[in-house]
Every structure is written in C-alpha cells, then in structure tokens.
mmCIF file of all heavy atoms, coordinates in Angstrom:
data_MODEL
# 
_entry.id   MODEL 
# 
loop_
_atom_site.group_PDB 
_atom_site.id 
_atom_site.type_symbol 
_atom_site.label_atom_id 
_atom_site.label_alt_id 
_atom_site.label_comp_id 
_atom_site.label_asym_id 
_atom_site.label_entity_id 
_atom_site.label_seq_id 
_atom_site.pdbx_PDB_ins_code 
_atom_site.Cartn_x 
_atom_site.Cartn_y 
_atom_site.Cartn_z 
_atom_site.occupancy 
_atom_site.B_iso_or_equiv 
_atom_site.pdbx_formal_charge 
_atom_site.auth_seq_id 
_atom_site.auth_comp_id 
_atom_site.auth_asym_id 
_atom_site.auth_atom_id 
_atom_site.pdbx_PDB_model_num 
ATOM 1   N N   . VAL A 1 1  ? 86.911 82.730  91.233  1.00 0.00 ? 1  VAL A N   1 
ATOM 2   C CA  . VAL A 1 1  ? 85.749 81.944  91.649  1.00 0.00 ? 1  VAL A CA  1 
ATOM 3   C C   . VAL A 1 1  ? 84.548 82.164  90.729  1.00 0.00 ? 1  VAL A C   1 
ATOM 4   O O   . VAL A 1 1  ? 83.501 81.532  90.912  1.00 0.00 ? 1  VAL A O   1 
ATOM 5   C CB  . VAL A 1 1  ? 85.352 82.275  93.108  1.00 0.00 ? 1  VAL A CB  1 
ATOM 6   C CG1 . VAL A 1 1  ? 86.499 81.978  94.062  1.00 0.00 ? 1  VAL A CG1 1 
ATOM 7   C CG2 . VAL A 1 1  ? 84.913 83.731  93.240  1.00 0.00 ? 1  VAL A CG2 1 
ATOM 8   N N   . THR A 1 2  ? 84.689 83.038  89.730  1.00 0.00 ? 2  THR A N   1 
ATOM 9   C CA  . THR A 1 2  ? 83.547 83.410  88.886  1.00 0.00 ? 2  THR A CA  1 
ATOM 10  C C   . THR A 1 2  ? 82.876 82.217  88.204  1.00 0.00 ? 2  THR A C   1 
ATOM 11  O O   . THR A 1 2  ? 81.639 82.177  88.129  1.00 0.00 ? 2  THR A O   1 
ATOM 12  C CB  . THR A 1 2  ? 83.995 84.437  87.821  1.00 0.00 ? 2  THR A CB  1 
ATOM 13  O OG1 . THR A 1 2  ? 84.676 85.515  88.465  1.00 0.00 ? 2  THR A OG1 1 
ATOM 14  C CG2 . THR A 1 2  ? 82.807 84.988  87.051  1.00 0.00 ? 2  THR A CG2 1 
ATOM 15  N N   . PRO A 1 3  ? 83.624 81.226  87.700  1.00 0.00 ? 3  PRO A N   1 
ATOM 16  C CA  . PRO A 1 3  ? 82.937 80.105  87.044  1.00 0.00 ? 3  PRO A CA  1 
ATOM 17  C C   . PRO A 1 3  ? 82.121 79.239  88.005  1.00 0.00 ? 3  PRO A C   1 
ATOM 18  O O   . PRO A 1 3  ? 81.314 78.422  87.549  1.00 0.00 ? 3  PRO A O   1 
ATOM 19  C CB  . PRO A 1 3  ? 84.099 79.300  86.433  1.00 0.00 ? 3  PRO A CB  1 
ATOM 20  C CG  . PRO A 1 3  ? 85.254 80.241  86.372  1.00 0.00 ? 3  PRO A CG  1 
ATOM 21  C CD  . PRO A 1 3  ? 85.096 81.126  87.562  1.00 0.00 ? 3  PRO A CD  1 
ATOM 22  N N   . TYR A 1 4  ? 82.325 79.389  89.306  1.00 0.00 ? 4  TYR A N   1 
ATOM 23  C CA  . TYR A 1 4  ? 81.724 78.466  90.261  1.00 0.00 ? 4  TYR A CA  1 
ATOM 24  C C   . TYR A 1 4  ? 80.605 79.082  91.102  1.00 0.00 ? 4  TYR A C   1 
ATOM 25  O O   . TYR A 1 4  ? 79.869 78.358  91.765  1.00 0.00 ? 4  TYR A O   1 
ATOM 26  C CB  . TYR A 1 4  ? 82.821 77.928  91.190  1.00 0.00 ? 4  TYR A CB  1 
ATOM 27  C CG  . TYR A 1 4  ? 84.008 77.392  90.436  1.00 0.00 ? 4  TYR A CG  1 
ATOM 28  C CD1 . TYR A 1 4  ? 85.189 78.119  90.385  1.00 0.00 ? 4  TYR A CD1 1 
ATOM 29  C CD2 . TYR A 1 4  ? 83.933 76.183  89.741  1.00 0.00 ? 4  TYR A CD2 1 
ATOM 30  C CE1 . TYR A 1 4  ? 86.282 77.644  89.668  1.00 0.00 ? 4  TYR A CE1 1 
ATOM 31  C CE2 . TYR A 1 4  ? 85.020 75.703  89.021  1.00 0.00 ? 4  TYR A CE2 1 
ATOM 32  C CZ  . TYR A 1 4  ? 86.191 76.441  88.989  1.00 0.00 ? 4  TYR A CZ  1 
ATOM 33  O OH  . TYR A 1 4  ? 87.259 75.966  88.272  1.00 0.00 ? 4  TYR A OH  1 
ATOM 34  N N   . THR A 1 5  ? 80.501 80.407  91.091  1.00 0.00 ? 5  THR A N   1 
ATOM 35  C CA  . THR A 1 5  ? 79.467 81.044  91.905  1.00 0.00 ? 5  THR A CA  1 
ATOM 36  C C   . THR A 1 5  ? 79.127 82.416  91.344  1.00 0.00 ? 5  THR A C   1 
ATOM 37  O O   . THR A 1 5  ? 79.978 83.063  90.704  1.00 0.00 ? 5  THR A O   1 
ATOM 38  C CB  . THR A 1 5  ? 79.931 81.199  93.359  1.00 0.00 ? 5  THR A CB  1 
ATOM 39  O OG1 . THR A 1 5  ? 78.906 81.839  94.123  1.00 0.00 ? 5  THR A OG1 1 
ATOM 40  C CG2 . THR A 1 5  ? 81.191 82.039  93.459  1.00 0.00 ? 5  THR A CG2 1 
ATOM 41  N N   . ASP A 1 6  ? 77.905 82.848  91.557  1.00 0.00 ? 6  ASP A N   1 
ATOM 42  C CA  . ASP A 1 6  ? 77.500 84.203  91.185  1.00 0.00 ? 6  ASP A CA  1 
ATOM 43  C C   . ASP A 1 6  ? 77.835 85.205  92.278  1.00 0.00 ? 6  ASP A C   1 
ATOM 44  O O   . ASP A 1 6  ? 77.726 86.410  92.067  1.00 0.00 ? 6  ASP A O   1 
ATOM 45  C CB  . ASP A 1 6  ? 75.990 84.252  90.906  1.00 0.00 ? 6  ASP A CB  1 
ATOM 46  C CG  . ASP A 1 6  ? 75.619 83.551  89.598  1.00 0.00 ? 6  ASP A CG  1 
ATOM 47  O OD1 . ASP A 1 6  ? 76.479 83.522  88.695  1.00 0.00 ? 6  ASP A OD1 1 
ATOM 48  O OD2 . ASP A 1 6  ? 74.485 83.045  89.491  1.00 0.00 ? 6  ASP A OD2 1 
ATOM 49  N N   . LYS A 1 7  ? 78.231 84.700  93.438  1.00 0.00 ? 7  LYS A N   1 
ATOM 50  C CA  . LYS A 1 7  ? 78.504 85.589  94.561  1.00 0.00 ? 7  LYS A CA  1 
ATOM 51  C C   . LYS A 1 7  ? 79.753 86.427  94.308  1.00 0.00 ? 7  LYS A C   1 
ATOM 52  O O   . LYS A 1 7  ? 80.690 85.984  93.643  1.00 0.00 ? 7  LYS A O   1 
ATOM 53  C CB  . LYS A 1 7  ? 78.669 84.775  95.845  1.00 0.00 ? 7  LYS A CB  1 
ATOM 54  C CG  . LYS A 1 7  ? 77.393 84.072  96.285  1.00 0.00 ? 7  LYS A CG  1 
ATOM 55  C CD  . LYS A 1 7  ? 77.616 83.250  97.541  1.00 0.00 ? 7  LYS A CD  1 
ATOM 56  C CE  . LYS A 1 7  ? 76.319 82.563  97.967  1.00 0.00 ? 7  LYS A CE  1 
ATOM 57  N NZ  . LYS A 1 7  ? 76.516 81.749  99.196  1.00 0.00 ? 7  LYS A NZ  1 
ATOM 58  N N   . ILE A 1 8  ? 79.743 87.642  94.840  1.00 0.00 ? 8  ILE A N   1 
ATOM 59  C CA  . ILE A 1 8  ? 80.895 88.532  94.707  1.00 0.00 ? 8  ILE A CA  1 
ATOM 60  C C   . ILE A 1 8  ? 81.276 89.056  96.094  1.00 0.00 ? 8  ILE A C   1 
ATOM 61  O O   . ILE A 1 8  ? 80.514 88.936  97.055  1.00 0.00 ? 8  ILE A O   1 
ATOM 62  C CB  . ILE A 1 8  ? 80.608 89.729  93.774  1.00 0.00 ? 8  ILE A CB  1 
ATOM 63  C CG1 . ILE A 1 8  ? 79.512 90.634  94.378  1.00 0.00 ? 8  ILE A CG1 1 
ATOM 64  C CG2 . ILE A 1 8  ? 80.220 89.252  92.388  1.00 0.00 ? 8  ILE A CG2 1 
ATOM 65  C CD1 . ILE A 1 8  ? 79.370 91.974  93.692  1.00 0.00 ? 8  ILE A CD1 1 
ATOM 66  N N   . ILE A 1 9  ? 82.458 89.642  96.172  1.00 0.00 ? 9  ILE A N   1 
ATOM 67  C CA  . ILE A 1 9  ? 82.910 90.289  97.408  1.00 0.00 ? 9  ILE A CA  1 
ATOM 68  C C   . ILE A 1 9  ? 82.830 91.800  97.214  1.00 0.00 ? 9  ILE A C   1 
ATOM 69  O O   . ILE A 1 9  ? 83.375 92.342  96.254  1.00 0.00 ? 9  ILE A O   1 
ATOM 70  C CB  . ILE A 1 9  ? 84.350 89.884  97.763  1.00 0.00 ? 9  ILE A CB  1 
ATOM 71  C CG1 . ILE A 1 9  ? 84.460 88.362  97.918  1.00 0.00 ? 9  ILE A CG1 1 
ATOM 72  C CG2 . ILE A 1 9  ? 84.807 90.589  99.035  1.00 0.00 ? 9  ILE A CG2 1 
ATOM 73  C CD1 . ILE A 1 9  ? 85.886 87.864  98.079  1.00 0.00 ? 9  ILE A CD1 1 
ATOM 74  N N   . ALA A 1 10 ? 82.140 92.465  98.122  1.00 0.00 ? 10 ALA A N   1 
ATOM 75  C CA  . ALA A 1 10 ? 82.046 93.918  98.114  1.00 0.00 ? 10 ALA A CA  1 
ATOM 76  C C   . ALA A 1 10 ? 82.860 94.463  99.285  1.00 0.00 ? 10 ALA A C   1 
ATOM 77  O O   . ALA A 1 10 ? 82.619 94.089  100.438 1.00 0.00 ? 10 ALA A O   1 
ATOM 78  C CB  . ALA A 1 10 ? 80.593 94.370  98.221  1.00 0.00 ? 10 ALA A CB  1 
ATOM 79  N N   . GLU A 1 11 ? 83.837 95.297  98.987  1.00 0.00 ? 11 GLU A N   1 
ATOM 80  C CA  . GLU A 1 11 ? 84.653 95.942  100.017 1.00 0.00 ? 11 GLU A CA  1 
ATOM 81  C C   . GLU A 1 11 ? 84.058 97.312  100.304 1.00 0.00 ? 11 GLU A C   1 
ATOM 82  O O   . GLU A 1 11 ? 84.140 98.224  99.482  1.00 0.00 ? 11 GLU A O   1 
ATOM 83  C CB  . GLU A 1 11 ? 86.103 96.080  99.549  1.00 0.00 ? 11 GLU A CB  1 
ATOM 84  C CG  . GLU A 1 11 ? 87.073 96.515  100.631 1.00 0.00 ? 11 GLU A CG  1 
ATOM 85  C CD  . GLU A 1 11 ? 87.435 95.399  101.597 1.00 0.00 ? 11 GLU A CD  1 
ATOM 86  O OE1 . GLU A 1 11 ? 87.259 94.212  101.247 1.00 0.00 ? 11 GLU A OE1 1 
ATOM 87  O OE2 . GLU A 1 11 ? 87.909 95.725  102.707 1.00 0.00 ? 11 GLU A OE2 1 
ATOM 88  N N   . TYR A 1 12 ? 83.392 97.441  101.472 1.00 0.00 ? 12 TYR A N   1 
ATOM 89  C CA  . TYR A 1 12 ? 82.782 98.706  101.858 1.00 0.00 ? 12 TYR A CA  1 
ATOM 90  C C   . TYR A 1 12 ? 83.865 99.631  102.424 1.00 0.00 ? 12 TYR A C   1 
ATOM 91  O O   . TYR A 1 12 ? 84.554 99.286  103.380 1.00 0.00 ? 12 TYR A O   1 
ATOM 92  C CB  . TYR A 1 12 ? 81.709 98.472  102.915 1.00 0.00 ? 12 TYR A CB  1 
ATOM 93  C CG  . TYR A 1 12 ? 80.378 97.970  102.393 1.00 0.00 ? 12 TYR A CG  1 
ATOM 94  C CD1 . TYR A 1 12 ? 80.297 96.912  101.488 1.00 0.00 ? 12 TYR A CD1 1 
ATOM 95  C CD2 . TYR A 1 12 ? 79.181 98.550  102.818 1.00 0.00 ? 12 TYR A CD2 1 
ATOM 96  C CE1 . TYR A 1 12 ? 79.075 96.455  101.025 1.00 0.00 ? 12 TYR A CE1 1 
ATOM 97  C CE2 . TYR A 1 12 ? 77.947 98.091  102.353 1.00 0.00 ? 12 TYR A CE2 1 
ATOM 98  C CZ  . TYR A 1 12 ? 77.896 97.051  101.461 1.00 0.00 ? 12 TYR A CZ  1 
ATOM 99  O OH  . TYR A 1 12 ? 76.681 96.604  100.998 1.00 0.00 ? 12 TYR A OH  1 
ATOM 100 N N   . VAL A 1 13 ? 84.021 100.809 101.829 1.00 0.00 ? 13 VAL A N   1 
ATOM 101 C CA  . VAL A 1 13 ? 85.063 101.770 102.203 1.00 0.00 ? 13 VAL A CA  1 
ATOM 102 C C   . VAL A 1 13 ? 84.405 103.013 102.787 1.00 0.00 ? 13 VAL A C   1 
ATOM 103 O O   . VAL A 1 13 ? 83.415 103.510 102.245 1.00 0.00 ? 13 VAL A O   1 
ATOM 104 C CB  . VAL A 1 13 ? 85.913 102.154 100.978 1.00 0.00 ? 13 VAL A CB  1 
ATOM 105 C CG1 . VAL A 1 13 ? 87.006 103.150 101.360 1.00 0.00 ? 13 VAL A CG1 1 
ATOM 106 C CG2 . VAL A 1 13 ? 86.524 100.909 100.329 1.00 0.00 ? 13 VAL A CG2 1 
ATOM 107 N N   . TRP A 1 14 ? 84.957 103.511 103.903 1.00 0.00 ? 14 TRP A N   1 
ATOM 108 C CA  . TRP A 1 14 ? 84.443 104.745 104.478 1.00 0.00 ? 14 TRP A CA  1 
ATOM 109 C C   . TRP A 1 14 ? 85.568 105.542 105.125 1.00 0.00 ? 14 TRP A C   1 
ATOM 110 O O   . TRP A 1 14 ? 86.693 105.061 105.246 1.00 0.00 ? 14 TRP A O   1 
ATOM 111 C CB  . TRP A 1 14 ? 83.322 104.463 105.484 1.00 0.00 ? 14 TRP A CB  1 
ATOM 112 C CG  . TRP A 1 14 ? 83.767 103.839 106.783 1.00 0.00 ? 14 TRP A CG  1 
ATOM 113 C CD1 . TRP A 1 14 ? 84.068 104.477 107.955 1.00 0.00 ? 14 TRP A CD1 1 
ATOM 114 C CD2 . TRP A 1 14 ? 83.929 102.428 107.062 1.00 0.00 ? 14 TRP A CD2 1 
ATOM 115 N NE1 . TRP A 1 14 ? 84.413 103.583 108.936 1.00 0.00 ? 14 TRP A NE1 1 
ATOM 116 C CE2 . TRP A 1 14 ? 84.337 102.309 108.423 1.00 0.00 ? 14 TRP A CE2 1 
ATOM 117 C CE3 . TRP A 1 14 ? 83.782 101.266 106.300 1.00 0.00 ? 14 TRP A CE3 1 
ATOM 118 C CZ2 . TRP A 1 14 ? 84.588 101.078 109.016 1.00 0.00 ? 14 TRP A CZ2 1 
ATOM 119 C CZ3 . TRP A 1 14 ? 84.038 100.031 106.899 1.00 0.00 ? 14 TRP A CZ3 1 
ATOM 120 C CH2 . TRP A 1 14 ? 84.436 99.960  108.239 1.00 0.00 ? 14 TRP A CH2 1 
ATOM 121 N N   . ILE A 1 15 ? 85.266 106.769 105.544 1.00 0.00 ? 15 ILE A N   1 
ATOM 122 C CA  . ILE A 1 15 ? 86.244 107.666 106.159 1.00 0.00 ? 15 ILE A CA  1 
ATOM 123 C C   . ILE A 1 15 ? 86.093 107.578 107.671 1.00 0.00 ? 15 ILE A C   1 
ATOM 124 O O   . ILE A 1 15 ? 84.982 107.675 108.203 1.00 0.00 ? 15 ILE A O   1 
ATOM 125 C CB  . ILE A 1 15 ? 86.029 109.110 105.676 1.00 0.00 ? 15 ILE A CB  1 
ATOM 126 C CG1 . ILE A 1 15 ? 86.139 109.163 104.144 1.00 0.00 ? 15 ILE A CG1 1 
ATOM 127 C CG2 . ILE A 1 15 ? 87.038 110.061 106.311 1.00 0.00 ? 15 ILE A CG2 1 
ATOM 128 C CD1 . ILE A 1 15 ? 85.445 110.340 103.525 1.00 0.00 ? 15 ILE A CD1 1 
ATOM 129 N N   . GLY A 1 16 ? 87.219 107.422 108.371 1.00 0.00 ? 16 GLY A N   1 
ATOM 130 C CA  . GLY A 1 16 ? 87.198 107.251 109.816 1.00 0.00 ? 16 GLY A CA  1 
ATOM 131 C C   . GLY A 1 16 ? 87.156 108.559 110.579 1.00 0.00 ? 16 GLY A C   1 
ATOM 132 O O   . GLY A 1 16 ? 86.961 109.645 110.020 1.00 0.00 ? 16 GLY A O   1 
ATOM 133 N N   . GLY A 1 17 ? 87.386 108.457 111.870 1.00 0.00 ? 17 GLY A N   1 
ATOM 134 C CA  . GLY A 1 17 ? 87.178 109.571 112.787 1.00 0.00 ? 17 GLY A CA  1 
ATOM 135 C C   . GLY A 1 17 ? 88.153 110.719 112.658 1.00 0.00 ? 17 GLY A C   1 
ATOM 136 O O   . GLY A 1 17 ? 87.833 111.844 113.066 1.00 0.00 ? 17 GLY A O   1 
ATOM 137 N N   . THR A 1 18 ? 89.344 110.482 112.105 1.00 0.00 ? 18 THR A N   1 
ATOM 138 C CA  . THR A 1 18 ? 90.289 111.590 111.947 1.00 0.00 ? 18 THR A CA  1 
ATOM 139 C C   . THR A 1 18 ? 89.920 112.478 110.769 1.00 0.00 ? 18 THR A C   1 
ATOM 140 O O   . THR A 1 18 ? 90.439 113.585 110.638 1.00 0.00 ? 18 THR A O   1 
ATOM 141 C CB  . THR A 1 18 ? 91.727 111.085 111.733 1.00 0.00 ? 18 THR A CB  1 
ATOM 142 O OG1 . THR A 1 18 ? 91.806 110.415 110.460 1.00 0.00 ? 18 THR A OG1 1 
ATOM 143 C CG2 . THR A 1 18 ? 92.146 110.135 112.845 1.00 0.00 ? 18 THR A CG2 1 
ATOM 144 N N   . GLY A 1 19 ? 89.044 111.987 109.902 1.00 0.00 ? 19 GLY A N   1 
ATOM 145 C CA  . GLY A 1 19 ? 88.678 112.734 108.702 1.00 0.00 ? 19 GLY A CA  1 
ATOM 146 C C   . GLY A 1 19 ? 89.611 112.503 107.545 1.00 0.00 ? 19 GLY A C   1 
ATOM 147 O O   . GLY A 1 19 ? 89.364 112.979 106.439 1.00 0.00 ? 19 GLY A O   1 
ATOM 148 N N   . ILE A 1 20 ? 90.689 111.754 107.759 1.00 0.00 ? 20 ILE A N   1 
ATOM 149 C CA  . ILE A 1 20 ? 91.646 111.474 106.694 1.00 0.00 ? 20 ILE A CA  1 
ATOM 150 C C   . ILE A 1 20 ? 91.940 109.981 106.574 1.00 0.00 ? 20 ILE A C   1 
ATOM 151 O O   . ILE A 1 20 ? 92.471 109.514 105.560 1.00 0.00 ? 20 ILE A O   1 
ATOM 152 C CB  . ILE A 1 20 ? 92.960 112.267 106.914 1.00 0.00 ? 20 ILE A CB  1 
ATOM 153 C CG1 . ILE A 1 20 ? 93.842 112.243 105.660 1.00 0.00 ? 20 ILE A CG1 1 
ATOM 154 C CG2 . ILE A 1 20 ? 93.726 111.749 108.118 1.00 0.00 ? 20 ILE A CG2 1 
ATOM 155 C CD1 . ILE A 1 20 ? 93.232 112.905 104.467 1.00 0.00 ? 20 ILE A CD1 1 
ATOM 156 N N   . ASP A 1 21 ? 91.588 109.189 107.585 1.00 0.00 ? 21 ASP A N   1 
ATOM 157 C CA  . ASP A 1 21 ? 91.855 107.750 107.537 1.00 0.00 ? 21 ASP A CA  1 
ATOM 158 C C   . ASP A 1 21 ? 90.742 107.028 106.784 1.00 0.00 ? 21 ASP A C   1 
ATOM 159 O O   . ASP A 1 21 ? 89.565 107.324 106.935 1.00 0.00 ? 21 ASP A O   1 
ATOM 160 C CB  . ASP A 1 21 ? 92.013 107.163 108.940 1.00 0.00 ? 21 ASP A CB  1 
ATOM 161 C CG  . ASP A 1 21 ? 90.814 107.457 109.837 1.00 0.00 ? 21 ASP A CG  1 
ATOM 162 O OD1 . ASP A 1 21 ? 90.287 108.588 109.786 1.00 0.00 ? 21 ASP A OD1 1 
ATOM 163 O OD2 . ASP A 1 21 ? 90.399 106.558 110.598 1.00 0.00 ? 21 ASP A OD2 1 
ATOM 164 N N   . VAL A 1 22 ? 91.117 106.063 105.944 1.00 0.00 ? 22 VAL A N   1 
ATOM 165 C CA  . VAL A 1 22 ? 90.135 105.255 105.234 1.00 0.00 ? 22 VAL A CA  1 
ATOM 166 C C   . VAL A 1 22 ? 90.055 103.886 105.902 1.00 0.00 ? 22 VAL A C   1 
ATOM 167 O O   . VAL A 1 22 ? 91.067 103.275 106.237 1.00 0.00 ? 22 VAL A O   1 
ATOM 168 C CB  . VAL A 1 22 ? 90.482 105.112 103.738 1.00 0.00 ? 22 VAL A CB  1 
ATOM 169 C CG1 . VAL A 1 22 ? 90.080 106.359 102.973 1.00 0.00 ? 22 VAL A CG1 1 
ATOM 170 C CG2 . VAL A 1 22 ? 91.946 104.808 103.510 1.00 0.00 ? 22 VAL A CG2 1 
ATOM 171 N N   . ARG A 1 23 ? 88.845 103.428 106.098 1.00 0.00 ? 23 ARG A N   1 
ATOM 172 C CA  . ARG A 1 23 ? 88.577 102.117 106.703 1.00 0.00 ? 23 ARG A CA  1 
ATOM 173 C C   . ARG A 1 23 ? 87.805 101.268 105.693 1.00 0.00 ? 23 ARG A C   1 
ATOM 174 O O   . ARG A 1 23 ? 87.152 101.806 104.787 1.00 0.00 ? 23 ARG A O   1 
ATOM 175 C CB  . ARG A 1 23 ? 87.749 102.278 107.978 1.00 0.00 ? 23 ARG A CB  1 
ATOM 176 C CG  . ARG A 1 23 ? 88.277 103.303 108.986 1.00 0.00 ? 23 ARG A CG  1 
ATOM 177 C CD  . ARG A 1 23 ? 89.512 102.825 109.697 1.00 0.00 ? 23 ARG A CD  1 
ATOM 178 N NE  . ARG A 1 23 ? 89.990 103.782 110.692 1.00 0.00 ? 23 ARG A NE  1 
ATOM 179 C CZ  . ARG A 1 23 ? 90.128 103.518 111.993 1.00 0.00 ? 23 ARG A CZ  1 
ATOM 180 N NH1 . ARG A 1 23 ? 89.830 102.307 112.462 1.00 0.00 ? 23 ARG A NH1 1 
ATOM 181 N NH2 . ARG A 1 23 ? 90.587 104.438 112.822 1.00 0.00 ? 23 ARG A NH2 1 
ATOM 182 N N   . SER A 1 24 ? 87.830 99.959  105.878 1.00 0.00 ? 24 SER A N   1 
ATOM 183 C CA  . SER A 1 24 ? 87.039 99.105  104.989 1.00 0.00 ? 24 SER A CA  1 
ATOM 184 C C   . SER A 1 24 ? 86.805 97.745  105.625 1.00 0.00 ? 24 SER A C   1 
ATOM 185 O O   . SER A 1 24 ? 87.576 97.308  106.492 1.00 0.00 ? 24 SER A O   1 
ATOM 186 C CB  . SER A 1 24 ? 87.736 98.924  103.639 1.00 0.00 ? 24 SER A CB  1 
ATOM 187 O OG  . SER A 1 24 ? 88.850 98.057  103.744 1.00 0.00 ? 24 SER A OG  1 
ATOM 188 N N   . LYS A 1 25 ? 85.755 97.093  105.196 1.00 0.00 ? 25 LYS A N   1 
ATOM 189 C CA  . LYS A 1 25 ? 85.517 95.687  105.531 1.00 0.00 ? 25 LYS A CA  1 
ATOM 190 C C   . LYS A 1 25 ? 84.698 95.051  104.414 1.00 0.00 ? 25 LYS A C   1 
ATOM 191 O O   . LYS A 1 25 ? 84.052 95.738  103.619 1.00 0.00 ? 25 LYS A O   1 
ATOM 192 C CB  . LYS A 1 25 ? 84.847 95.533  106.891 1.00 0.00 ? 25 LYS A CB  1 
ATOM 193 C CG  . LYS A 1 25 ? 83.471 96.152  107.036 1.00 0.00 ? 25 LYS A CG  1 
ATOM 194 C CD  . LYS A 1 25 ? 82.925 95.824  108.436 1.00 0.00 ? 25 LYS A CD  1 
ATOM 195 C CE  . LYS A 1 25 ? 81.502 96.309  108.621 1.00 0.00 ? 25 LYS A CE  1 
ATOM 196 N NZ  . LYS A 1 25 ? 80.923 95.834  109.892 1.00 0.00 ? 25 LYS A NZ  1 
ATOM 197 N N   . SER A 1 26 ? 84.741 93.711  104.363 1.00 0.00 ? 26 SER A N   1 
ATOM 198 C CA  . SER A 1 26 ? 84.199 92.972  103.224 1.00 0.00 ? 26 SER A CA  1 
ATOM 199 C C   . SER A 1 26 ? 82.925 92.232  103.589 1.00 0.00 ? 26 SER A C   1 
ATOM 200 O O   . SER A 1 26 ? 82.735 91.824  104.735 1.00 0.00 ? 26 SER A O   1 
ATOM 201 C CB  . SER A 1 26 ? 85.226 91.954  102.723 1.00 0.00 ? 26 SER A CB  1 
ATOM 202 O OG  . SER A 1 26 ? 86.500 92.530  102.592 1.00 0.00 ? 26 SER A OG  1 
ATOM 203 N N   . ARG A 1 27 ? 82.081 92.041  102.585 1.00 0.00 ? 27 ARG A N   1 
ATOM 204 C CA  . ARG A 1 27 ? 80.924 91.168  102.752 1.00 0.00 ? 27 ARG A CA  1 
ATOM 205 C C   . ARG A 1 27 ? 80.584 90.503  101.422 1.00 0.00 ? 27 ARG A C   1 
ATOM 206 O O   . ARG A 1 27 ? 80.919 91.008  100.349 1.00 0.00 ? 27 ARG A O   1 
ATOM 207 C CB  . ARG A 1 27 ? 79.718 91.928  103.289 1.00 0.00 ? 27 ARG A CB  1 
ATOM 208 C CG  . ARG A 1 27 ? 79.056 92.885  102.327 1.00 0.00 ? 27 ARG A CG  1 
ATOM 209 C CD  . ARG A 1 27 ? 77.819 93.535  102.955 1.00 0.00 ? 27 ARG A CD  1 
ATOM 210 N NE  . ARG A 1 27 ? 76.788 92.567  103.285 1.00 0.00 ? 27 ARG A NE  1 
ATOM 211 C CZ  . ARG A 1 27 ? 75.738 92.837  104.076 1.00 0.00 ? 27 ARG A CZ  1 
ATOM 212 N NH1 . ARG A 1 27 ? 75.618 94.034  104.625 1.00 0.00 ? 27 ARG A NH1 1 
ATOM 213 N NH2 . ARG A 1 27 ? 74.826 91.921  104.323 1.00 0.00 ? 27 ARG A NH2 1 
ATOM 214 N N   . THR A 1 28 ? 79.915 89.361  101.511 1.00 0.00 ? 28 THR A N   1 
ATOM 215 C CA  . THR A 1 28 ? 79.511 88.622  100.323 1.00 0.00 ? 28 THR A CA  1 
ATOM 216 C C   . THR A 1 28 ? 78.152 89.125  99.841  1.00 0.00 ? 28 THR A C   1 
ATOM 217 O O   . THR A 1 28 ? 77.220 89.289  100.634 1.00 0.00 ? 28 THR A O   1 
ATOM 218 C CB  . THR A 1 28 ? 79.430 87.120  100.627 1.00 0.00 ? 28 THR A CB  1 
ATOM 219 O OG1 . THR A 1 28 ? 80.712 86.673  101.100 1.00 0.00 ? 28 THR A OG1 1 
ATOM 220 C CG2 . THR A 1 28 ? 79.051 86.333  99.384  1.00 0.00 ? 28 THR A CG2 1 
# 
C-alpha cells in the first residue's frame, strides 16, 4: 500500500500476565 498512502501499521507487542506470553494488537 506504500505507493497509495503514507499510513503504516504498527503492531504493538507486550508481555502478558504469565510473564512469558506475548500479546499484540495493531493500529494505523
């Protein structure tokens, strides 16, 4: 989509409650 928009997708990654699980969600 780069030629059509300056917008990007950022995948936010963090550590969950077990201390070993990785979680993530996306935003524009």
